[in-house]
Amino acid sequence: MFDHHCTVCDRRELIYPTQITGLTNTDHGIVVTFTCWCGAEQTMVTGRHAESAAAVTLAA
């Protein structure tokens, strides 16, 4: 569980493991994809090599 400030609903909410939809290891850190309580898809970069979320781009 972690807290996150949603860019869509502008609320800070607790995110539970059941809301996580993906984990991707990158050179910039671990990109966690999850669904906010409002239904919006969100991402967070974490880990030892984490950089700002704006700096990370995932290839589709």
PDB file of N, CA and C in Angstrom:
ATOM      1  N   MET A   1       0.844  -1.158   0.000  1.00  0.00           N
ATOM      2  CA  MET A   1       0.000   0.000   0.000  1.00  0.00           C
ATOM      3  C   MET A   1       0.904   1.239   0.000  1.00  0.00           C
ATOM      4  N   PHE A   2       0.488   2.257  -0.772  1.00  0.00           N
ATOM      5  CA  PHE A   2       1.215   3.523  -0.807  1.00  0.00           C
ATOM      6  C   PHE A   2       0.218   4.638  -1.077  1.00  0.00           C
ATOM      7  N   ASP A   3       0.634   5.870  -0.817  1.00  0.00           N
ATOM      8  CA  ASP A   3      -0.257   6.987  -1.120  1.00  0.00           C
ATOM      9  C   ASP A   3       0.188   7.659  -2.407  1.00  0.00           C
ATOM     10  N   HIS A   4      -0.780   8.254  -3.103  1.00  0.00           N
ATOM     11  CA  HIS A   4      -0.500   8.880  -4.387  1.00  0.00           C
ATOM     12  C   HIS A   4      -1.448  10.054  -4.593  1.00  0.00           C
ATOM     13  N   HIS A   5      -0.929  11.126  -5.190  1.00  0.00           N
ATOM     14  CA  HIS A   5      -1.764  12.275  -5.543  1.00  0.00           C
ATOM     15  C   HIS A   5      -2.181  12.112  -7.004  1.00  0.00           C
ATOM     16  N   CYS A   6      -3.484  11.938  -7.233  1.00  0.00           N
ATOM     17  CA  CYS A   6      -4.016  11.682  -8.574  1.00  0.00           C
ATOM     18  C   CYS A   6      -4.010  12.964  -9.397  1.00  0.00           C
ATOM     19  N   THR A   7      -3.560  12.855 -10.642  1.00  0.00           N
ATOM     20  CA  THR A   7      -3.516  14.008 -11.543  1.00  0.00           C
ATOM     21  C   THR A   7      -4.876  14.313 -12.153  1.00  0.00           C
ATOM     22  N   VAL A   8      -5.854  13.403 -12.002  1.00  0.00           N
ATOM     23  CA  VAL A   8      -7.184  13.601 -12.574  1.00  0.00           C
ATOM     24  C   VAL A   8      -8.161  14.158 -11.530  1.00  0.00           C
ATOM     25  N   CYS A   9      -8.313  13.458 -10.404  1.00  0.00           N
ATOM     26  CA  CYS A   9      -9.280  13.895  -9.385  1.00  0.00           C
ATOM     27  C   CYS A   9      -8.673  14.858  -8.375  1.00  0.00           C
ATOM     28  N   ASP A  10      -7.345  15.065  -8.427  1.00  0.00           N
ATOM     29  CA  ASP A  10      -6.631  16.006  -7.556  1.00  0.00           C
ATOM     30  C   ASP A  10      -6.786  15.662  -6.074  1.00  0.00           C
ATOM     31  N   ARG A  11      -6.832  14.349  -5.779  1.00  0.00           N
ATOM     32  CA  ARG A  11      -6.936  13.894  -4.392  1.00  0.00           C
ATOM     33  C   ARG A  11      -5.760  12.988  -4.065  1.00  0.00           C
ATOM     34  N   ARG A  12      -5.378  13.005  -2.805  1.00  0.00           N
ATOM     35  CA  ARG A  12      -4.346  12.098  -2.311  1.00  0.00           C
ATOM     36  C   ARG A  12      -5.067  10.893  -1.708  1.00  0.00           C
ATOM     37  N   GLU A  13      -4.798   9.703  -2.261  1.00  0.00           N
ATOM     38  CA  GLU A  13      -5.494   8.488  -1.839  1.00  0.00           C
ATOM     39  C   GLU A  13      -4.503   7.367  -1.557  1.00  0.00           C
ATOM     40  N   LEU A  14      -4.915   6.426  -0.715  1.00  0.00           N
ATOM     41  CA  LEU A  14      -4.134   5.213  -0.514  1.00  0.00           C
ATOM     42  C   LEU A  14      -4.415   4.269  -1.673  1.00  0.00           C
ATOM     43  N   ILE A  15      -3.360   3.692  -2.229  1.00  0.00           N
ATOM     44  CA  ILE A  15      -3.474   2.736  -3.324  1.00  0.00           C
ATOM     45  C   ILE A  15      -3.130   1.354  -2.762  1.00  0.00           C
ATOM     46  N   TYR A  16      -4.033   0.406  -2.962  1.00  0.00           N
ATOM     47  CA  TYR A  16      -3.859  -0.955  -2.460  1.00  0.00           C
ATOM     48  C   TYR A  16      -3.317  -1.868  -3.563  1.00  0.00           C
ATOM     49  N   PRO A  17      -2.705  -2.985  -3.183  1.00  0.00           N
ATOM     50  CA  PRO A  17      -2.137  -3.901  -4.187  1.00  0.00           C
ATOM     51  C   PRO A  17      -3.146  -4.350  -5.249  1.00  0.00           C
ATOM     52  N   THR A  18      -4.409  -4.445  -4.900  1.00  0.00           N
ATOM     53  CA  THR A  18      -5.423  -4.878  -5.867  1.00  0.00           C
ATOM     54  C   THR A  18      -5.663  -3.840  -6.962  1.00  0.00           C
ATOM     55  N   GLN A  19      -5.208  -2.597  -6.761  1.00  0.00           N
ATOM     56  CA  GLN A  19      -5.374  -1.542  -7.760  1.00  0.00           C
ATOM     57  C   GLN A  19      -4.211  -1.490  -8.750  1.00  0.00           C
ATOM     58  N   ILE A  20      -3.137  -2.211  -8.466  1.00  0.00           N
ATOM     59  CA  ILE A  20      -1.965  -2.217  -9.346  1.00  0.00           C
ATOM     60  C   ILE A  20      -2.261  -3.057 -10.571  1.00  0.00           C
ATOM     61  N   THR A  21      -2.005  -2.473 -11.746  1.00  0.00           N
ATOM     62  CA  THR A  21      -2.288  -3.166 -13.009  1.00  0.00           C
ATOM     63  C   THR A  21      -1.023  -3.551 -13.763  1.00  0.00           C
ATOM     64  N   GLY A  22       0.139  -3.047 -13.322  1.00  0.00           N
ATOM     65  CA  GLY A  22       1.375  -3.408 -14.008  1.00  0.00           C
ATOM     66  C   GLY A  22       2.616  -2.906 -13.310  1.00  0.00           C
ATOM     67  N   LEU A  23       3.710  -3.621 -13.528  1.00  0.00           N
ATOM     68  CA  LEU A  23       5.038  -3.247 -13.035  1.00  0.00           C
ATOM     69  C   LEU A  23       6.011  -3.437 -14.190  1.00  0.00           C
ATOM     70  N   THR A  24       6.813  -2.414 -14.465  1.00  0.00           N
ATOM     71  CA  THR A  24       7.780  -2.499 -15.550  1.00  0.00           C
ATOM     72  C   THR A  24       9.126  -1.997 -15.050  1.00  0.00           C
ATOM     73  N   ASN A  25      10.147  -2.854 -15.148  1.00  0.00           N
ATOM     74  CA  ASN A  25      11.507  -2.437 -14.800  1.00  0.00           C
ATOM     75  C   ASN A  25      12.098  -1.663 -15.969  1.00  0.00           C
ATOM     76  N   THR A  26      12.628  -0.476 -15.686  1.00  0.00           N
ATOM     77  CA  THR A  26      13.293   0.325 -16.705  1.00  0.00           C
ATOM     78  C   THR A  26      14.641   0.776 -16.167  1.00  0.00           C
ATOM     79  N   ASP A  27      15.432   1.387 -17.005  1.00  0.00           N
ATOM     80  CA  ASP A  27      16.713   1.944 -16.563  1.00  0.00           C
ATOM     81  C   ASP A  27      16.508   3.129 -15.616  1.00  0.00           C
ATOM     82  N   HIS A  28      15.295   3.679 -15.608  1.00  0.00           N
ATOM     83  CA  HIS A  28      14.993   4.855 -14.789  1.00  0.00           C
ATOM     84  C   HIS A  28      14.349   4.488 -13.459  1.00  0.00           C
ATOM     85  N   GLY A  29      14.010   3.245 -13.264  1.00  0.00           N
ATOM     86  CA  GLY A  29      13.357   2.788 -12.046  1.00  0.00           C
ATOM     87  C   GLY A  29      12.219   1.844 -12.382  1.00  0.00           C
ATOM     88  N   ILE A  30      11.438   1.484 -11.383  1.00  0.00           N
ATOM     89  CA  ILE A  30      10.298   0.598 -11.563  1.00  0.00           C
ATOM     90  C   ILE A  30       9.067   1.462 -11.806  1.00  0.00           C
ATOM     91  N   VAL A  31       8.398   1.260 -12.938  1.00  0.00           N
ATOM     92  CA  VAL A  31       7.194   2.009 -13.258  1.00  0.00           C
ATOM     93  C   VAL A  31       6.001   1.177 -12.799  1.00  0.00           C
ATOM     94  N   VAL A  32       5.251   1.723 -11.840  1.00  0.00           N
ATOM     95  CA  VAL A  32       4.067   1.065 -11.305  1.00  0.00           C
ATOM     96  C   VAL A  32       2.847   1.707 -11.967  1.00  0.00           C
ATOM     97  N   THR A  33       2.018   0.908 -12.604  1.00  0.00           N
ATOM     98  CA  THR A  33       0.790   1.378 -13.219  1.00  0.00           C
ATOM     99  C   THR A  33      -0.365   0.905 -12.345  1.00  0.00           C
ATOM    100  N   PHE A  34      -1.312   1.796 -12.061  1.00  0.00           N
ATOM    101  CA  PHE A  34      -2.417   1.450 -11.177  1.00  0.00           C
ATOM    102  C   PHE A  34      -3.638   2.293 -11.518  1.00  0.00           C
ATOM    103  N   THR A  35      -4.776   1.892 -10.967  1.00  0.00           N
ATOM    104  CA  THR A  35      -6.027   2.600 -11.177  1.00  0.00           C
ATOM    105  C   THR A  35      -6.396   3.335  -9.897  1.00  0.00           C
ATOM    106  N   CYS A  36      -6.588   4.643 -10.005  1.00  0.00           N
ATOM    107  CA  CYS A  36      -6.997   5.467  -8.871  1.00  0.00           C
ATOM    108  C   CYS A  36      -8.430   5.102  -8.486  1.00  0.00           C
ATOM    109  N   TRP A  37      -8.847   5.522  -7.317  1.00  0.00           N
ATOM    110  CA  TRP A  37     -10.220   5.299  -6.865  1.00  0.00           C
ATOM    111  C   TRP A  37     -11.225   5.971  -7.796  1.00  0.00           C
ATOM    112  N   CYS A  38     -10.828   7.027  -8.492  1.00  0.00           N
ATOM    113  CA  CYS A  38     -11.740   7.718  -9.416  1.00  0.00           C
ATOM    114  C   CYS A  38     -11.836   7.005 -10.758  1.00  0.00           C
ATOM    115  N   GLY A  39     -10.992   5.973 -10.983  1.00  0.00           N
ATOM    116  CA  GLY A  39     -11.011   5.218 -12.226  1.00  0.00           C
ATOM    117  C   GLY A  39      -9.918   5.596 -13.206  1.00  0.00           C
ATOM    118  N   ALA A  40      -9.155   6.628 -12.898  1.00  0.00           N
ATOM    119  CA  ALA A  40      -8.093   7.080 -13.792  1.00  0.00           C
ATOM    120  C   ALA A  40      -6.863   6.179 -13.691  1.00  0.00           C
ATOM    121  N   GLU A  41      -6.267   5.870 -14.856  1.00  0.00           N
ATOM    122  CA  GLU A  41      -5.009   5.131 -14.884  1.00  0.00           C
ATOM    123  C   GLU A  41      -3.892   6.096 -14.498  1.00  0.00           C
ATOM    124  N   GLN A  42      -3.027   5.679 -13.596  1.00  0.00           N
ATOM    125  CA  GLN A  42      -1.934   6.502 -13.103  1.00  0.00           C
ATOM    126  C   GLN A  42      -0.638   5.702 -13.138  1.00  0.00           C
ATOM    127  N   THR A  43       0.499   6.387 -13.083  1.00  0.00           N
ATOM    128  CA  THR A  43       1.794   5.723 -12.989  1.00  0.00           C
ATOM    129  C   THR A  43       2.639   6.411 -11.935  1.00  0.00           C
ATOM    130  N   MET A  44       3.560   5.642 -11.375  1.00  0.00           N
ATOM    131  CA  MET A  44       4.502   6.153 -10.392  1.00  0.00           C
ATOM    132  C   MET A  44       5.836   5.455 -10.645  1.00  0.00           C
ATOM    133  N   VAL A  45       6.926   6.184 -10.563  1.00  0.00           N
ATOM    134  CA  VAL A  45       8.253   5.609 -10.726  1.00  0.00           C
ATOM    135  C   VAL A  45       8.880   5.479  -9.346  1.00  0.00           C
ATOM    136  N   THR A  46       9.384   4.308  -9.043  1.00  0.00           N
ATOM    137  CA  THR A  46       9.968   4.052  -7.733  1.00  0.00           C
ATOM    138  C   THR A  46      11.236   3.217  -7.908  1.00  0.00           C
ATOM    139  N   GLY A  47      11.910   2.947  -6.838  1.00  0.00           N
ATOM    140  CA  GLY A  47      13.112   2.124  -6.890  1.00  0.00           C
ATOM    141  C   GLY A  47      14.371   2.952  -6.754  1.00  0.00           C
ATOM    142  N   ARG A  48      15.468   2.265  -6.691  1.00  0.00           N
ATOM    143  CA  ARG A  48      16.766   2.891  -6.459  1.00  0.00           C
ATOM    144  C   ARG A  48      17.155   3.877  -7.559  1.00  0.00           C
ATOM    145  N   HIS A  49      16.774   3.593  -8.802  1.00  0.00           N
ATOM    146  CA  HIS A  49      17.159   4.438  -9.927  1.00  0.00           C
ATOM    147  C   HIS A  49      16.032   5.371 -10.369  1.00  0.00           C
ATOM    148  N   ALA A  50      15.057   5.579  -9.503  1.00  0.00           N
ATOM    149  CA  ALA A  50      13.880   6.379  -9.874  1.00  0.00           C
ATOM    150  C   ALA A  50      14.258   7.819 -10.203  1.00  0.00           C
ATOM    151  N   GLU A  51      13.662   8.310 -11.287  1.00  0.00           N
ATOM    152  CA  GLU A  51      13.787   9.696 -11.688  1.00  0.00           C
ATOM    153  C   GLU A  51      12.394  10.293 -11.658  1.00  0.00           C
ATOM    154  N   SER A  52      12.272  11.533 -12.028  1.00  0.00           N
ATOM    155  CA  SER A  52      10.954  12.152 -12.050  1.00  0.00           C
ATOM    156  C   SER A  52      10.066  11.448 -13.068  1.00  0.00           C
ATOM    157  N   ALA A  53       8.768  11.361 -12.766  1.00  0.00           N
ATOM    158  CA  ALA A  53       7.823  10.646 -13.627  1.00  0.00           C
ATOM    159  C   ALA A  53       7.781  11.262 -15.025  1.00  0.00           C
ATOM    160  N   ALA A  54       7.987  12.565 -15.141  1.00  0.00           N
ATOM    161  CA  ALA A  54       7.941  13.232 -16.450  1.00  0.00           C
ATOM    162  C   ALA A  54       9.107  12.788 -17.328  1.00  0.00           C
ATOM    163  N   ALA A  55      10.188  12.317 -16.721  1.00  0.00           N
ATOM    164  CA  ALA A  55      11.367  11.935 -17.490  1.00  0.00           C
ATOM    165  C   ALA A  55      11.275  10.516 -18.045  1.00  0.00           C
ATOM    166  N   VAL A  56      10.314   9.737 -17.558  1.00  0.00           N
ATOM    167  CA  VAL A  56      10.217   8.337 -17.969  1.00  0.00           C
ATOM    168  C   VAL A  56       9.179   8.201 -19.078  1.00  0.00           C
ATOM    169  N   THR A  57       9.592   7.580 -20.164  1.00  0.00           N
ATOM    170  CA  THR A  57       8.687   7.291 -21.264  1.00  0.00           C
ATOM    171  C   THR A  57       8.753   5.805 -21.563  1.00  0.00           C
ATOM    172  N   LEU A  58       7.604   5.146 -21.550  1.00  0.00           N
ATOM    173  CA  LEU A  58       7.570   3.723 -21.840  1.00  0.00           C
ATOM    174  C   LEU A  58       7.240   3.510 -23.305  1.00  0.00           C
ATOM    175  N   ALA A  59       7.917   2.586 -23.923  1.00  0.00           N
ATOM    176  CA  ALA A  59       7.618   2.229 -25.305  1.00  0.00           C
ATOM    177  C   ALA A  59       6.376   1.355 -25.322  1.00  0.00           C
ATOM    178  N   ALA A  60       5.449   1.667 -26.201  1.00  0.00           N
ATOM    179  CA  ALA A  60       4.197   0.884 -26.262  1.00  0.00           C
ATOM    180  C   ALA A  60       4.416  -0.428 -26.960  1.00  0.00           C
TER     181      ALA A  60
END
